[in-house]
Amino acid sequence: MIPVKQTLLHDPDNGQHGNCLSAVLASLLHLPVDSVPVFTDPNTWVKNLNAWLRQFGLAYIPVTNLAELVRNYGITGLWHEIAGDSPRSKEYLHACVAKDLELLFDPHPDNTGLHGLESYGIFIALEPWKSKSASQ
């Protein structure tokens, strides 16, 4: 993971959506934040995100019970998105980078993290045979 700060702050009064999720994706995929779209439509953002992630052989799935799944299935080393109430506004969710359920990086410039946890987003490999094994 290469930490990438968001470049657009959420300012609904002026019609601007923040790009915290774009910064999370840029951080996890080692991309410049400007090369990641801002996914804003509440009805289609996950579908649009998955269409964009396809080029990397990935898909995104939002989950609320990740702690239970990780514990029950012995998953460790999982880098993922974590979202919750923004310390700046409880009306909007804020996205951060986490590993194994622990918030590791806040893309917002003030680094205040989250106030309250809402959900997690995990990434799955669409073509796992393209992954290189650690022994190669």
Protein backbone atom coordinates (compact mmCIF):
# COMPACT_ATOMS: atom_id res chain seq x y z
CA MET A 1 0.00 0.00 0.00
CA ILE A 2 1.27 3.43 -0.96
CA PRO A 3 -0.60 6.16 0.96
CA VAL A 4 -2.31 8.67 -1.37
CA LYS A 5 -4.18 11.66 0.06
CA GLN A 6 -7.47 12.78 -1.40
CA THR A 7 -7.36 15.89 -3.58
CA LEU A 8 -11.05 16.81 -3.46
CA LEU A 9 -12.71 17.54 -0.14
CA HIS A 10 -16.42 16.96 0.23
CA ASP A 11 -18.25 20.29 -0.08
CA PRO A 12 -21.93 19.59 -0.83
CA ASP A 13 -22.87 23.27 -0.51
CA ASN A 14 -20.74 23.92 -3.59
CA GLY A 15 -21.66 20.70 -5.42
CA GLN A 16 -18.29 19.01 -4.89
CA HIS A 17 -17.95 15.35 -3.95
CA GLY A 18 -14.86 14.32 -2.06
CA ASN A 19 -12.57 11.70 -3.54
CA CYS A 20 -11.66 9.74 -0.40
CA LEU A 21 -12.69 6.43 -2.02
CA SER A 22 -10.62 7.30 -5.08
CA ALA A 23 -7.65 7.93 -2.78
CA VAL A 24 -8.22 4.59 -1.04
CA LEU A 25 -8.26 2.82 -4.42
CA ALA A 26 -5.17 4.73 -5.56
CA SER A 27 -3.38 3.76 -2.34
CA LEU A 28 -4.23 0.07 -2.65
CA LEU A 29 -3.58 -0.15 -6.40
CA HIS A 30 -0.46 2.07 -6.38
CA LEU A 31 -1.98 4.58 -8.80
CA PRO A 32 -2.07 8.38 -8.98
CA VAL A 33 -5.34 9.60 -7.45
CA ASP A 34 -6.14 11.59 -10.59
CA SER A 35 -6.30 8.35 -12.58
CA VAL A 36 -9.12 6.99 -10.39
CA PRO A 37 -12.69 8.16 -11.10
CA VAL A 38 -14.86 9.65 -8.36
CA PHE A 39 -17.80 7.30 -7.83
CA THR A 40 -20.71 9.40 -6.57
CA ASP A 41 -24.08 8.10 -7.73
CA PRO A 42 -25.69 6.40 -4.70
CA ASN A 43 -27.61 4.01 -6.96
CA THR A 44 -24.81 2.89 -9.28
CA TRP A 45 -21.45 3.60 -7.64
CA VAL A 46 -20.67 -0.04 -6.84
CA LYS A 47 -21.54 -1.19 -10.38
CA ASN A 48 -19.49 1.67 -11.84
CA LEU A 49 -16.59 0.88 -9.52
CA ASN A 50 -16.70 -2.79 -10.51
CA ALA A 51 -16.74 -1.89 -14.21
CA TRP A 52 -13.62 0.24 -13.62
CA LEU A 53 -11.88 -2.41 -11.45
CA ARG A 54 -12.32 -5.07 -14.13
CA GLN A 55 -9.19 -3.78 -15.91
CA PHE A 56 -7.22 -4.91 -12.83
CA GLY A 57 -8.97 -8.29 -12.63
CA LEU A 58 -10.73 -7.21 -9.44
CA ALA A 59 -14.22 -6.67 -8.08
CA TYR A 60 -15.40 -4.82 -4.97
CA ILE A 61 -17.99 -6.12 -2.54
CA PRO A 62 -19.33 -4.05 0.37
CA VAL A 63 -19.85 -6.13 3.53
CA THR A 64 -20.99 -5.35 7.05
CA ASN A 65 -19.97 -8.60 8.76
CA LEU A 66 -16.28 -8.72 7.77
CA ALA A 67 -15.09 -9.23 11.35
CA GLU A 68 -17.19 -12.39 11.62
CA LEU A 69 -16.04 -13.69 8.23
CA VAL A 70 -12.36 -13.03 8.94
CA ARG A 71 -12.58 -14.71 12.33
CA ASN A 72 -14.60 -17.72 11.12
CA TYR A 73 -12.48 -18.39 8.06
CA GLY A 74 -9.01 -17.60 9.41
CA ILE A 75 -8.27 -14.78 6.97
CA THR A 76 -5.22 -12.62 7.72
CA GLY A 77 -3.25 -10.12 5.68
CA LEU A 78 -6.43 -8.66 4.16
CA TRP A 79 -6.11 -5.12 2.82
CA HIS A 80 -9.52 -3.52 2.40
CA GLU A 81 -11.59 -0.37 2.49
CA ILE A 82 -13.31 0.69 5.70
CA ALA A 83 -16.08 3.29 5.79
CA GLY A 84 -17.91 5.13 8.51
CA ASP A 85 -19.13 8.47 9.74
CA SER A 86 -16.82 11.30 8.92
CA PRO A 87 -15.65 13.34 11.92
CA ARG A 88 -16.53 16.36 9.79
CA SER A 89 -20.14 15.34 9.04
CA LYS A 90 -22.39 12.48 10.08
CA GLU A 91 -24.39 12.92 6.88
CA TYR A 92 -21.70 11.41 4.66
CA LEU A 93 -19.55 8.32 4.85
CA HIS A 94 -15.79 8.58 4.70
CA ALA A 95 -13.53 5.86 3.24
CA CYS A 96 -10.14 4.82 4.63
CA VAL A 97 -7.62 2.02 4.11
CA ALA A 98 -7.55 -0.87 6.57
CA LYS A 99 -5.74 -4.13 7.04
CA ASP A 100 -7.25 -6.98 9.03
CA LEU A 101 -10.10 -4.73 10.26
CA GLU A 102 -7.70 -2.06 11.59
CA LEU A 103 -7.76 1.42 10.09
CA LEU A 104 -4.24 2.13 8.84
CA PHE A 105 -4.55 5.18 6.62
CA ASP A 106 -6.94 8.11 6.40
CA PRO A 107 -6.78 9.84 3.01
CA HIS A 108 -8.23 13.08 4.42
CA PRO A 109 -5.62 15.78 5.09
CA ASP A 110 -6.63 16.13 8.76
CA ASN A 111 -6.03 12.40 9.52
CA THR A 112 -8.93 12.19 11.99
CA GLY A 113 -10.10 8.78 10.78
CA LEU A 114 -13.66 7.67 11.36
CA HIS A 115 -16.32 8.23 13.99
CA GLY A 116 -18.33 5.07 13.89
CA LEU A 117 -17.97 2.14 11.55
CA GLU A 118 -20.53 1.57 8.82
CA SER A 119 -19.10 -1.03 6.46
CA TYR A 120 -16.10 -2.67 4.86
CA GLY A 121 -15.26 -3.12 1.21
CA ILE A 122 -13.28 -6.13 0.09
CA PHE A 123 -11.64 -6.81 -3.24
CA ILE A 124 -11.84 -10.18 -4.92
CA ALA A 125 -9.78 -11.55 -7.77
CA LEU A 126 -11.85 -12.23 -10.87
CA GLU A 127 -9.09 -14.29 -12.49
CA PRO A 128 -7.09 -15.74 -9.59
CA TRP A 129 -4.89 -17.83 -11.89
CA LYS A 130 -3.26 -14.56 -13.01
CA SER A 131 -1.91 -13.96 -9.49
CA LYS A 132 1.72 -14.77 -8.95
CA SER A 133 2.51 -17.06 -6.08
CA ALA A 134 4.91 -15.94 -3.35
CA SER A 135 7.35 -18.66 -4.43
CA GLN A 136 7.78 -17.27 -7.96
